[in-house]
N, C-alpha and C. Protein backbone atom coordinates (compact mmCIF):
# COMPACT_ATOMS: atom_id res chain seq x y z
N MET A 1 134.32 52.30 72.55
CA MET A 1 133.01 52.41 72.96
C MET A 1 133.26 53.89 73.99
N THR A 2 132.49 54.75 74.20
CA THR A 2 132.14 55.48 74.87
C THR A 2 131.52 54.98 76.41
N GLU A 3 132.37 55.22 77.35
CA GLU A 3 131.97 55.10 78.72
C GLU A 3 130.90 55.51 78.97
N THR A 4 129.88 55.54 79.96
CA THR A 4 128.47 56.19 80.40
C THR A 4 128.93 56.80 81.67
N THR A 5 129.05 58.33 82.06
CA THR A 5 129.08 58.76 83.31
C THR A 5 128.09 58.38 83.88
N ALA A 6 128.47 58.91 85.48
CA ALA A 6 127.30 59.13 86.42
C ALA A 6 126.65 60.29 86.03
N ALA A 7 127.05 61.90 85.55
CA ALA A 7 126.34 62.69 84.78
C ALA A 7 125.65 62.48 83.94
N ASP A 8 126.16 61.31 82.92
CA ASP A 8 125.20 61.17 81.89
C ASP A 8 124.08 60.24 81.97
N ARG A 9 124.41 59.12 82.83
CA ARG A 9 123.01 58.92 83.30
C ARG A 9 122.16 59.60 84.16
N LEU A 10 122.20 60.76 85.01
CA LEU A 10 121.42 61.77 85.68
C LEU A 10 120.71 62.17 84.78
N ARG A 11 121.01 62.61 83.28
CA ARG A 11 120.60 63.08 82.10
C ARG A 11 119.50 62.65 81.86
N ALA A 12 119.56 61.15 81.63
CA ALA A 12 118.98 60.68 81.21
C ALA A 12 117.62 60.22 81.50
N ALA A 13 118.09 60.22 82.88
CA ALA A 13 117.15 59.60 83.81
C ALA A 13 116.30 60.79 84.28
N LEU A 14 116.44 62.48 83.96
CA LEU A 14 115.80 63.16 84.22
C LEU A 14 114.95 63.64 82.91
N GLU A 15 115.11 62.81 82.22
CA GLU A 15 114.57 62.94 80.71
C GLU A 15 113.68 61.90 80.56
N HIS A 16 113.17 60.83 81.45
CA HIS A 16 112.70 59.99 81.45
C HIS A 16 111.31 60.38 81.29
N PRO A 17 109.97 59.65 80.49
CA PRO A 17 108.85 60.32 80.40
C PRO A 17 108.02 60.49 81.49
N ASP A 18 108.23 59.17 82.45
CA ASP A 18 107.44 59.09 83.84
C ASP A 18 108.12 60.54 85.37
N ALA A 19 106.91 60.83 85.17
CA ALA A 19 107.85 62.28 86.32
C ALA A 19 107.78 61.68 87.81
N SER A 20 107.45 60.96 87.88
CA SER A 20 107.87 59.68 88.87
C SER A 20 109.13 59.58 88.90
N ALA A 21 109.63 58.89 87.74
CA ALA A 21 111.38 58.41 87.51
C ALA A 21 111.80 59.93 87.21
N ARG A 22 111.95 60.69 87.14
CA ARG A 22 112.56 61.63 87.01
C ARG A 22 112.55 62.48 88.18
N LEU A 23 111.52 62.46 89.45
CA LEU A 23 111.27 62.70 91.07
C LEU A 23 112.51 62.06 91.47
N GLN A 24 112.13 60.74 91.11
CA GLN A 24 113.51 60.06 92.08
C GLN A 24 115.08 60.27 91.68
N ALA A 25 115.34 60.45 89.91
CA ALA A 25 116.45 60.60 89.77
C ALA A 25 116.93 62.12 90.64
N ALA A 26 116.10 63.26 90.43
CA ALA A 26 116.60 64.45 91.60
C ALA A 26 116.64 63.90 92.81
N LEU A 27 116.24 63.40 93.08
CA LEU A 27 116.28 63.13 94.64
C LEU A 27 117.48 61.95 95.08
N ALA A 28 117.81 61.13 94.18
CA ALA A 28 118.96 60.54 94.31
C ALA A 28 120.01 61.46 94.15
N ALA A 29 120.51 62.30 92.53
CA ALA A 29 121.15 63.18 92.81
C ALA A 29 121.32 64.36 94.14
N GLY A 30 120.73 64.65 94.93
CA GLY A 30 120.57 65.62 95.91
C GLY A 30 121.07 64.79 97.24
N THR A 31 120.65 63.45 97.05
CA THR A 31 120.91 62.71 98.44
C THR A 31 122.48 62.27 97.98
N ARG A 32 122.85 62.22 97.34
CA ARG A 32 124.61 61.45 96.96
C ARG A 32 125.11 62.72 96.35
N PRO A 33 125.49 63.86 96.65
CA PRO A 33 125.84 65.10 95.58
C PRO A 33 127.42 64.60 94.78
N ASP A 34 127.03 65.36 93.65
CA ASP A 34 128.55 64.80 92.86
C ASP A 34 128.73 66.40 91.98
N ASP A 35 129.75 66.99 91.95
CA ASP A 35 130.09 68.34 91.53
C ASP A 35 129.79 67.97 89.82
N SER A 36 129.64 66.56 89.51
CA SER A 36 129.53 66.58 88.01
C SER A 36 127.89 66.57 87.69
N TYR A 37 127.16 66.51 88.87
CA TYR A 37 125.68 66.84 88.41
C TYR A 37 124.99 67.97 88.15
N VAL A 38 125.87 68.88 88.76
CA VAL A 38 125.29 70.44 88.61
C VAL A 38 124.56 70.94 87.05
N ALA A 39 125.71 70.45 86.26
CA ALA A 39 124.73 71.14 84.86
C ALA A 39 123.87 70.52 84.34
N ALA A 40 123.62 69.11 84.88
CA ALA A 40 122.62 68.19 84.32
C ALA A 40 121.49 68.68 85.30
N LEU A 41 121.55 69.16 86.19
CA LEU A 41 120.60 69.46 87.20
C LEU A 41 119.79 70.74 86.91
N VAL A 42 120.81 72.11 86.58
CA VAL A 42 120.53 73.68 86.06
C VAL A 42 119.53 73.69 84.52
N ALA A 43 120.29 72.32 83.86
CA ALA A 43 119.61 72.66 82.65
C ALA A 43 118.65 71.75 82.79
N ARG A 44 118.07 71.11 83.50
CA ARG A 44 116.48 70.29 83.42
C ARG A 44 115.66 71.37 84.14
N CYS A 45 116.18 72.49 85.21
CA CYS A 45 115.26 73.23 85.33
C CYS A 45 114.37 74.16 84.15
N ALA A 46 115.31 74.37 83.62
CA ALA A 46 114.85 75.03 82.57
C ALA A 46 113.55 74.24 81.79
N VAL A 47 113.51 73.05 81.59
CA VAL A 47 112.66 72.48 80.70
C VAL A 47 111.89 71.42 81.16
N GLU A 48 111.82 71.25 82.75
CA GLU A 48 110.99 70.25 83.61
C GLU A 48 109.58 70.94 83.74
N PRO A 49 108.86 70.34 83.19
CA PRO A 49 107.03 70.50 83.26
C PRO A 49 106.32 70.14 84.45
N ASP A 50 107.12 69.81 85.19
CA ASP A 50 106.09 69.15 86.49
C ASP A 50 106.95 70.17 87.89
N PHE A 51 105.90 70.49 88.50
CA PHE A 51 106.24 71.06 89.58
C PHE A 51 106.85 70.62 90.70
N PHE A 52 106.53 69.57 91.55
CA PHE A 52 107.52 68.34 92.03
C PHE A 52 108.58 68.28 91.80
N VAL A 53 109.05 67.81 90.66
CA VAL A 53 110.21 67.89 90.28
C VAL A 53 111.00 68.67 89.75
N ARG A 54 110.36 70.05 89.48
CA ARG A 54 111.55 71.52 89.75
C ARG A 54 111.69 71.49 91.22
N ASP A 55 111.13 71.72 92.48
CA ASP A 55 111.28 71.89 93.85
C ASP A 55 112.27 70.55 93.86
N MET A 56 112.39 69.24 93.24
CA MET A 56 113.12 68.67 94.02
C MET A 56 114.28 69.18 93.12
N LEU A 57 114.64 69.52 91.97
CA LEU A 57 115.70 69.48 91.54
C LEU A 57 116.24 70.83 91.99
N THR A 58 115.99 71.84 92.67
CA THR A 58 116.37 73.14 93.43
C THR A 58 116.61 71.92 94.91
N TRP A 59 116.08 71.32 95.35
CA TRP A 59 116.05 70.85 96.70
C TRP A 59 117.60 69.93 96.29
N ALA A 60 117.97 69.52 95.15
CA ALA A 60 119.11 68.63 94.85
C ALA A 60 120.44 69.81 94.83
N LEU A 61 119.91 70.90 93.85
CA LEU A 61 120.79 71.53 93.83
C LEU A 61 121.80 72.27 95.14
N THR A 62 120.54 73.03 96.03
CA THR A 62 120.86 73.42 97.32
C THR A 62 121.98 72.21 98.16
N ARG A 63 121.84 71.11 97.53
CA ARG A 63 122.74 69.75 98.65
C ARG A 63 124.01 69.79 97.66
N HIS A 64 124.37 70.68 96.37
CA HIS A 64 125.65 70.97 95.98
C HIS A 64 126.41 71.52 96.55
N ASP A 65 127.44 72.00 96.39
CA ASP A 65 128.33 73.10 96.67
C ASP A 65 128.57 74.59 95.54
N PRO A 66 127.78 75.29 96.88
CA PRO A 66 127.33 76.70 95.83
C PRO A 66 128.25 77.17 95.27
N ALA A 67 129.65 77.28 95.26
CA ALA A 67 130.51 77.73 94.61
C ALA A 67 130.57 76.60 93.31
N ARG A 68 130.16 75.67 93.35
CA ARG A 68 129.83 75.19 92.09
C ARG A 68 128.69 75.38 91.59
N VAL A 69 127.86 75.66 92.09
CA VAL A 69 126.09 75.65 91.64
C VAL A 69 125.75 77.24 91.34
N VAL A 70 126.23 78.43 92.30
CA VAL A 70 125.87 79.55 91.91
C VAL A 70 126.53 79.74 90.66
N PRO A 71 127.83 79.62 90.16
CA PRO A 71 128.22 80.10 88.93
C PRO A 71 127.07 79.52 87.84
N GLY A 72 126.86 78.48 88.31
CA GLY A 72 126.02 77.95 86.77
C GLY A 72 124.57 78.45 86.44
N LEU A 73 124.22 79.01 88.08
CA LEU A 73 122.76 79.50 87.82
C LEU A 73 122.70 80.83 87.61
N LEU A 74 123.66 81.66 87.45
CA LEU A 74 123.69 83.57 87.37
C LEU A 74 123.06 83.52 85.86
N PRO A 75 124.03 82.78 84.85
CA PRO A 75 123.63 82.71 83.18
C PRO A 75 122.20 82.86 82.83
N GLU A 76 121.42 81.86 83.74
CA GLU A 76 120.40 81.67 83.38
C GLU A 76 119.34 82.73 83.79
N VAL A 77 119.56 83.09 84.99
CA VAL A 77 118.41 84.49 85.22
C VAL A 77 117.91 85.22 83.78
N THR A 78 119.43 85.38 82.96
CA THR A 78 119.20 86.32 81.35
C THR A 78 118.73 85.17 80.63
N SER A 79 118.18 83.89 80.84
CA SER A 79 117.86 83.14 79.62
C SER A 79 117.22 83.82 78.87
N GLU A 80 116.78 83.21 77.57
CA GLU A 80 115.79 83.79 76.80
C GLU A 80 114.56 83.00 77.21
N VAL A 81 114.50 81.77 77.97
CA VAL A 81 113.33 80.83 78.12
C VAL A 81 112.96 81.10 79.38
N PRO A 82 111.83 81.93 79.85
CA PRO A 82 111.42 82.39 81.45
C PRO A 82 111.12 81.13 82.15
N GLN A 83 111.13 80.41 82.24
CA GLN A 83 111.19 79.08 83.23
C GLN A 83 112.44 79.07 83.45
N ALA A 84 113.85 78.74 82.81
CA ALA A 84 115.16 78.94 83.38
C ALA A 84 115.29 80.22 84.06
N ARG A 85 114.73 81.61 83.64
CA ARG A 85 114.67 82.58 84.80
C ARG A 85 114.32 82.08 86.32
N SER A 86 112.87 82.41 85.89
CA SER A 86 111.87 81.83 87.11
C SER A 86 112.91 80.83 88.20
N GLN A 87 113.01 79.61 87.81
CA GLN A 87 113.75 78.48 88.66
C GLN A 87 115.22 78.81 88.89
N ALA A 88 115.98 79.71 88.10
CA ALA A 88 116.88 79.70 88.48
C ALA A 88 117.13 80.81 89.50
N LEU A 89 116.39 81.81 89.26
CA LEU A 89 116.05 82.70 91.10
C LEU A 89 115.70 82.64 92.21
N HIS A 90 114.75 81.26 92.00
CA HIS A 90 114.05 80.66 92.99
C HIS A 90 115.16 79.66 93.45
N THR A 91 115.93 79.06 92.99
CA THR A 91 117.16 78.36 93.70
C THR A 91 118.00 79.43 94.21
N LEU A 92 118.55 80.38 93.51
CA LEU A 92 119.21 81.42 94.08
C LEU A 92 119.32 81.99 95.82
N SER A 93 117.65 82.14 95.43
CA SER A 93 116.83 82.11 97.10
C SER A 93 117.19 81.38 97.89
N LYS A 94 117.19 80.05 97.79
CA LYS A 94 117.30 79.17 98.40
C LYS A 94 118.51 78.96 99.16
N ILE A 95 119.44 78.98 98.01
CA ILE A 95 121.08 78.81 98.36
C ILE A 95 121.75 80.20 99.30
N GLY A 96 120.75 81.42 98.73
CA GLY A 96 120.83 82.68 99.59
C GLY A 96 122.45 83.33 99.78
N ASP A 97 123.25 82.88 98.40
CA ASP A 97 124.54 83.47 98.26
C ASP A 97 124.17 84.90 97.99
N PRO A 98 125.07 85.57 99.02
CA PRO A 98 125.06 87.15 98.54
C PRO A 98 125.29 87.55 97.08
N VAL A 99 126.07 86.98 96.39
CA VAL A 99 126.62 87.11 94.81
C VAL A 99 125.74 87.57 93.75
N ALA A 100 124.48 86.48 94.38
CA ALA A 100 123.49 86.42 93.11
C ALA A 100 122.59 88.30 93.16
N PHE A 101 122.63 88.75 94.40
CA PHE A 101 121.96 89.88 93.96
C PHE A 101 122.67 90.80 92.76
N GLY A 102 123.72 90.42 92.72
CA GLY A 102 124.24 91.62 91.64
C GLY A 102 123.66 91.31 90.42
N ALA A 103 122.99 89.99 89.80
CA ALA A 103 122.37 89.43 88.41
C ALA A 103 121.04 90.06 88.70
N ILE A 104 120.42 90.73 89.60
CA ILE A 104 119.37 90.80 89.72
C ILE A 104 119.06 92.33 89.37
N THR A 105 119.12 92.63 87.73
CA THR A 105 118.85 94.02 87.16
C THR A 105 117.53 94.55 87.50
N ARG A 106 117.49 95.73 86.71
CA ARG A 106 116.18 96.34 86.91
C ARG A 106 115.75 95.49 86.13
N ALA A 107 116.11 94.98 84.82
CA ALA A 107 115.30 94.09 83.75
C ALA A 107 114.92 93.00 84.13
N VAL A 108 115.48 92.46 84.96
CA VAL A 108 114.71 91.28 85.83
C VAL A 108 113.97 91.55 86.58
N LEU A 109 113.85 92.81 87.65
CA LEU A 109 112.86 92.89 88.37
C LEU A 109 112.06 93.47 87.85
N ARG A 110 111.56 94.11 86.51
CA ARG A 110 110.55 94.13 85.69
C ARG A 110 110.43 93.24 84.63
N ASP A 111 110.76 91.94 84.99
CA ASP A 111 110.18 91.25 83.56
C ASP A 111 108.65 91.10 83.40
N ARG A 112 108.52 90.96 81.94
CA ARG A 112 107.29 91.09 81.57
C ARG A 112 106.34 89.68 82.01
N HIS A 113 107.04 88.83 82.35
CA HIS A 113 106.30 87.03 83.29
C HIS A 113 106.56 87.40 84.51
N PRO A 114 105.46 87.51 85.24
CA PRO A 114 105.12 87.30 86.30
C PRO A 114 105.08 86.60 87.03
N GLU A 115 105.65 85.46 86.87
CA GLU A 115 106.51 84.30 87.47
C GLU A 115 107.77 84.64 87.48
N VAL A 116 108.19 85.01 86.71
CA VAL A 116 109.85 85.41 86.55
C VAL A 116 110.09 86.78 87.80
N ALA A 117 109.36 87.74 87.10
CA ALA A 117 109.04 89.10 88.35
C ALA A 117 109.18 88.74 89.41
N ARG A 118 107.84 87.42 90.00
CA ARG A 118 107.75 87.20 91.29
C ARG A 118 109.22 86.79 92.37
N ALA A 119 109.50 85.46 91.39
CA ALA A 119 110.91 84.84 91.95
C ALA A 119 111.87 86.18 92.02
N ALA A 120 112.29 87.41 90.94
CA ALA A 120 113.18 88.18 91.27
C ALA A 120 113.08 88.67 92.51
N TRP A 121 111.73 89.48 93.00
CA TRP A 121 111.46 90.45 94.14
C TRP A 121 111.80 89.57 95.35
N ARG A 122 111.14 88.35 95.00
CA ARG A 122 111.26 87.51 96.66
C ARG A 122 113.22 87.33 96.78
N THR A 123 114.02 86.97 95.72
CA THR A 123 114.88 86.79 95.73
C THR A 123 116.00 87.83 95.61
N ALA A 124 115.69 89.25 95.65
CA ALA A 124 116.64 90.43 95.78
C ALA A 124 116.18 91.09 97.54
N SER A 125 114.70 91.07 97.69
CA SER A 125 114.36 91.29 98.76
C SER A 125 115.05 90.42 100.06
N GLY A 126 115.67 89.17 99.40
CA GLY A 126 116.02 88.52 100.56
C GLY A 126 117.43 88.51 100.51
N LEU A 127 118.54 88.86 99.85
CA LEU A 127 119.73 88.91 99.57
C LEU A 127 120.35 90.68 99.67
N VAL A 128 119.26 91.30 99.92
CA VAL A 128 120.01 92.52 99.60
C VAL A 128 120.56 93.18 100.73
N PRO A 129 121.90 93.91 100.18
CA PRO A 129 122.50 94.60 101.23
C PRO A 129 122.08 95.59 102.14
N ASP A 130 123.12 95.80 103.15
CA ASP A 130 122.43 96.79 103.77
C ASP A 130 122.61 98.43 103.33
N ASP A 131 123.35 98.84 102.19
CA ASP A 131 123.81 99.65 101.51
C ASP A 131 122.92 99.80 100.61
N ALA A 132 121.93 99.00 100.03
CA ALA A 132 120.85 98.72 98.96
C ALA A 132 119.60 98.43 99.33
N HIS A 133 119.03 98.99 100.18
CA HIS A 133 117.50 98.75 100.71
C HIS A 133 116.93 99.82 100.10
N GLU A 134 116.92 100.88 100.17
CA GLU A 134 116.35 102.08 99.77
C GLU A 134 116.44 101.86 97.96
N ALA A 135 117.62 101.77 97.54
CA ALA A 135 117.50 101.51 95.86
C ALA A 135 116.49 100.66 95.30
N LEU A 136 116.78 99.30 96.15
CA LEU A 136 115.78 98.61 95.78
C LEU A 136 114.26 98.51 95.92
N ALA A 137 114.26 98.91 96.78
CA ALA A 137 112.63 99.67 97.42
C ALA A 137 112.54 100.51 96.05
N GLU A 138 113.00 101.24 95.68
CA GLU A 138 112.66 102.52 95.06
C GLU A 138 112.58 101.74 93.62
N GLU A 139 113.30 100.92 92.97
CA GLU A 139 112.76 100.23 91.93
C GLU A 139 111.83 99.16 92.25
N LEU A 140 111.46 98.77 93.13
CA LEU A 140 110.40 97.91 93.36
C LEU A 140 108.88 98.88 93.30
N ALA A 141 109.16 99.85 93.69
CA ALA A 141 107.75 101.07 93.82
C ALA A 141 107.23 100.97 92.27
N THR A 142 108.21 100.97 91.15
CA THR A 142 107.87 101.05 90.31
C THR A 142 106.64 99.45 89.50
N GLN A 143 106.56 99.08 90.57
CA GLN A 143 105.79 97.72 89.82
C GLN A 143 104.38 97.93 90.94
N PHE A 144 104.22 98.88 91.78
CA PHE A 144 102.82 98.61 92.38
C PHE A 144 101.57 98.83 91.39
N GLY A 145 100.81 98.23 91.32
CA GLY A 145 99.81 98.04 90.54
C GLY A 145 99.46 96.97 89.73
N ARG A 146 100.42 96.00 89.32
CA ARG A 146 101.10 95.69 88.76
C ARG A 146 100.21 94.14 89.04
N GLY A 147 99.25 93.69 87.60
CA GLY A 147 98.89 92.09 88.23
C GLY A 147 97.98 91.79 88.80
N ASP A 148 97.51 90.45 88.95
CA ASP A 148 96.73 89.81 89.71
C ASP A 148 96.84 89.69 91.10
N HIS A 149 96.26 89.56 92.11
CA HIS A 149 96.27 89.53 93.44
C HIS A 149 97.80 88.61 93.74
N ASP A 150 97.97 87.63 93.08
CA ASP A 150 99.39 87.02 93.45
C ASP A 150 100.37 87.74 93.35
N THR A 151 100.69 88.22 92.47
CA THR A 151 101.52 89.12 92.05
C THR A 151 101.57 90.33 92.81
N GLN A 152 100.25 90.83 93.11
CA GLN A 152 100.54 91.99 93.88
C GLN A 152 101.03 91.86 95.25
N ARG A 153 100.43 90.58 95.76
CA ARG A 153 100.80 89.63 97.18
C ARG A 153 102.25 89.54 97.36
N SER A 154 103.22 89.15 96.24
CA SER A 154 104.32 88.78 96.12
C SER A 154 105.06 90.16 96.46
N LEU A 155 104.90 91.27 95.80
CA LEU A 155 105.30 92.54 95.64
C LEU A 155 105.62 93.23 97.01
N SER A 156 104.02 92.79 97.69
CA SER A 156 103.69 93.38 99.16
C SER A 156 104.63 92.40 100.40
N ARG A 157 104.95 91.32 99.86
CA ARG A 157 105.71 90.59 100.57
C ARG A 157 107.31 90.88 100.83
N ALA A 158 107.85 91.23 99.58
CA ALA A 158 108.99 91.99 99.34
C ALA A 158 109.50 93.20 99.99
N PHE A 159 108.48 94.18 99.94
CA PHE A 159 108.71 95.31 100.72
C PHE A 159 108.77 94.59 102.50
N ALA A 160 108.25 93.99 102.72
CA ALA A 160 108.12 93.49 104.19
C ALA A 160 108.99 93.00 104.70
N ALA A 161 109.87 92.13 103.51
CA ALA A 161 111.44 91.43 103.98
C ALA A 161 112.31 93.09 104.05
N ILE A 162 112.08 93.83 102.72
CA ILE A 162 113.05 94.78 103.09
C ILE A 162 113.05 95.77 104.40
N GLY A 163 111.79 95.63 104.67
CA GLY A 163 111.65 96.56 106.17
C GLY A 163 111.52 98.05 106.17
N ALA A 164 112.05 98.19 107.61
CA ALA A 164 111.28 99.65 107.90
C ALA A 164 111.98 100.48 106.93
N ARG A 165 113.05 100.62 106.21
CA ARG A 165 113.72 101.23 105.12
C ARG A 165 113.09 101.69 104.13
N ALA A 166 112.04 100.81 103.51
CA ALA A 166 111.38 100.88 102.86
C ALA A 166 110.17 101.59 102.64
N LYS A 167 109.94 101.75 104.12
CA LYS A 167 108.62 102.11 104.17
C LYS A 167 108.32 103.45 103.93
N PRO A 168 109.46 105.16 103.61
CA PRO A 168 108.80 106.39 103.17
C PRO A 168 108.52 106.29 101.83
N ILE A 169 109.10 105.17 100.86
CA ILE A 169 108.98 104.47 99.49
C ILE A 169 107.32 104.20 99.45
N VAL A 170 107.14 103.68 100.07
CA VAL A 170 105.82 102.87 100.20
C VAL A 170 104.68 103.78 100.25
N GLU A 171 105.25 104.62 101.44
CA GLU A 171 104.09 105.74 102.08
C GLU A 171 103.72 106.87 101.00
N ARG A 172 104.92 107.12 100.23
CA ARG A 172 104.83 108.04 99.22
C ARG A 172 104.00 107.51 98.03
N ALA A 173 104.24 106.19 97.30
CA ALA A 173 103.45 105.42 96.79
C ALA A 173 101.71 105.25 96.93
N ALA A 174 101.55 105.43 98.46
CA ALA A 174 100.30 105.46 98.46
C ALA A 174 99.54 106.78 98.71
N ALA A 175 100.37 107.43 98.64
CA ALA A 175 99.67 109.13 98.04
C ALA A 175 99.52 109.44 96.87
N SER A 176 99.90 108.05 95.75
CA SER A 176 99.18 108.53 94.22
C SER A 176 98.07 108.71 93.55
N SER A 177 97.99 110.06 92.71
CA SER A 177 97.04 109.82 92.52
C SER A 177 96.32 108.75 91.28
N TYR A 178 96.62 107.79 91.21
CA TYR A 178 96.33 106.34 90.15
C TYR A 178 95.94 105.23 91.55
N ASP A 179 94.99 105.18 91.56
CA ASP A 179 93.90 104.65 92.45
C ASP A 179 94.21 103.15 92.59
N VAL A 180 95.14 102.70 91.65
CA VAL A 180 95.25 100.89 91.43
C VAL A 180 96.95 101.32 92.29
N VAL A 181 97.62 102.21 92.27
CA VAL A 181 99.07 102.28 92.72
C VAL A 181 98.63 102.51 94.26
N SER A 182 97.69 103.48 94.52
CA SER A 182 97.59 103.98 95.94
C SER A 182 97.56 102.99 97.08
N ALA A 183 95.88 102.00 96.21
CA ALA A 183 95.37 100.82 97.19
C ALA A 183 96.52 99.58 97.28
N HIS A 184 97.27 99.51 96.33
CA HIS A 184 98.78 98.29 96.65
C HIS A 184 99.53 98.49 97.16
N ALA A 185 99.87 100.27 97.60
CA ALA A 185 100.58 100.67 98.66
C ALA A 185 100.45 100.42 99.87
N ARG A 186 98.79 100.84 99.60
CA ARG A 186 98.51 101.15 101.02
C ARG A 186 98.05 99.54 102.25
N ALA A 187 97.89 98.78 100.82
CA ALA A 187 97.99 97.51 101.39
C ALA A 187 99.07 96.69 101.67
N THR A 188 100.00 97.15 101.55
CA THR A 188 101.72 96.93 101.16
C THR A 188 101.81 97.69 102.88
N LEU A 189 101.47 98.66 103.03
CA LEU A 189 101.86 98.96 104.20
C LEU A 189 101.48 98.48 105.41
N ILE A 190 99.92 98.08 105.29
CA ILE A 190 99.07 96.90 106.32
C ILE A 190 100.17 95.92 106.96
N VAL A 191 100.35 95.23 105.82
CA VAL A 191 100.87 94.22 105.79
C VAL A 191 102.63 94.51 106.53
N MET A 192 103.05 95.04 106.10
CA MET A 192 104.52 95.45 106.85
C MET A 192 104.40 96.08 108.05
N ASP A 193 102.85 96.43 108.73
CA ASP A 193 102.84 96.85 110.11
C ASP A 193 102.31 95.75 110.77
N ASP A 194 101.84 94.75 110.22
CA ASP A 194 101.26 93.43 110.93
C ASP A 194 101.46 92.50 110.18
N PRO A 195 102.46 91.77 109.90
CA PRO A 195 102.69 90.75 108.69
C PRO A 195 102.29 89.85 108.96
N ASP A 196 101.29 89.24 110.25
CA ASP A 196 100.13 87.85 110.17
C ASP A 196 98.98 88.48 109.47
N THR A 197 98.59 89.72 108.92
CA THR A 197 97.31 90.11 108.38
C THR A 197 97.67 89.67 106.88
N GLU A 198 96.32 88.97 106.44
CA GLU A 198 95.98 88.33 105.01
C GLU A 198 95.95 89.18 104.01
N PHE A 199 96.71 89.13 103.17
CA PHE A 199 97.01 90.43 101.83
C PHE A 199 95.59 90.71 101.46
N ALA A 200 94.60 89.82 101.44
CA ALA A 200 93.27 89.77 100.57
C ALA A 200 92.53 90.75 101.72
N GLU A 201 93.01 90.31 102.91
CA GLU A 201 91.81 91.53 104.46
C GLU A 201 92.55 93.04 103.79
N ALA A 202 94.17 93.33 103.97
CA ALA A 202 94.57 94.46 103.68
C ALA A 202 93.81 95.22 102.46
N VAL A 203 94.13 94.46 101.09
CA VAL A 203 93.39 94.86 100.00
C VAL A 203 91.83 95.26 100.32
N VAL A 204 91.03 94.60 101.10
CA VAL A 204 89.85 95.37 101.46
C VAL A 204 90.10 96.61 101.64
N GLU A 205 90.46 97.15 102.69
CA GLU A 205 91.15 97.62 103.80
C GLU A 205 91.69 99.05 102.67
N ALA A 206 92.61 98.75 102.10
CA ALA A 206 93.42 99.86 101.42
C ALA A 206 92.36 100.53 99.98
N ARG A 207 91.37 99.42 99.72
CA ARG A 207 90.29 99.86 98.79
C ARG A 207 89.33 100.88 99.35
N ARG A 208 89.08 100.71 100.21
CA ARG A 208 87.85 101.10 100.94
C ARG A 208 88.19 102.91 101.90
N VAL A 209 89.86 102.56 101.61
CA VAL A 209 90.17 104.37 102.17
C VAL A 209 90.01 105.03 100.93
N VAL A 210 90.52 104.25 99.79
CA VAL A 210 90.98 105.13 98.22
C VAL A 210 89.87 105.27 97.87
N ALA A 211 88.82 104.85 98.19
CA ALA A 211 87.19 105.06 98.07
C ALA A 211 86.90 106.29 98.54
N GLN A 212 86.93 105.95 99.79
CA GLN A 212 87.05 107.44 100.60
C GLN A 212 87.70 108.88 100.25
N ARG A 213 88.89 108.61 99.51
CA ARG A 213 89.52 109.56 99.26
C ARG A 213 88.78 110.42 98.54
N ALA A 214 88.52 109.20 97.14
CA ALA A 214 87.55 109.71 96.15
C ALA A 214 86.40 110.40 96.20
N LEU A 215 85.90 110.14 97.20
CA LEU A 215 84.36 110.58 97.41
C LEU A 215 85.03 112.09 98.47
N VAL A 216 85.47 112.24 99.40
CA VAL A 216 86.21 113.55 99.69
C VAL A 216 86.57 114.46 98.16
N GLY A 217 87.47 113.80 97.84
CA GLY A 217 87.86 114.85 96.70
C GLY A 217 86.70 115.44 95.26
N GLU A 218 85.23 114.68 95.52
CA GLU A 218 84.48 115.08 94.95
C GLU A 218 83.29 116.03 95.38
N ASP A 219 83.95 115.99 96.83
CA ASP A 219 83.20 117.30 97.53
C ASP A 219 83.21 118.51 96.80
């Protein structure tokens, strides 16, 4: 008869049909970390349907040894499952290990799934090494004008996190002849200059400037 291990019991608990039970299982795994739990926690991140349980899974992983967790998360960044990618990126951002930056490729930053791209932007801007600020900003600038309000706000926050060395690149985008790109970049500049500004307010101001530019161009 095969003996049931602690990792097996955790895996079974994380598959319980009741989200509250899964939440408690993840909480317990983080409260009493065990290297054998890492694989089960990472695997569950890819399929867990409940937001609060996913958040607890991330917390549990941050409670474990990064030397064990990070190597388990990195392959998930290129998984075929969008949730696996986004949750791995989110967890890597919480761990803050600089080695994760190397896994955030151009393809990851341009992921067609907004939630994955947003997680990639946030993680990359938080982990970017000193010698890669401009290169990351250049890549992120290709995403100006993309998506809905939340997606655009995430990109602007990423630029704010990169800081002053990204500003010339954002200013160049603000001069774009494409109104949607220009407006988003101008809103980003406002947020970079004053992080307390609400993004929605920055967008209104940026669109006003772009509209005025169009009117001047018609004269």
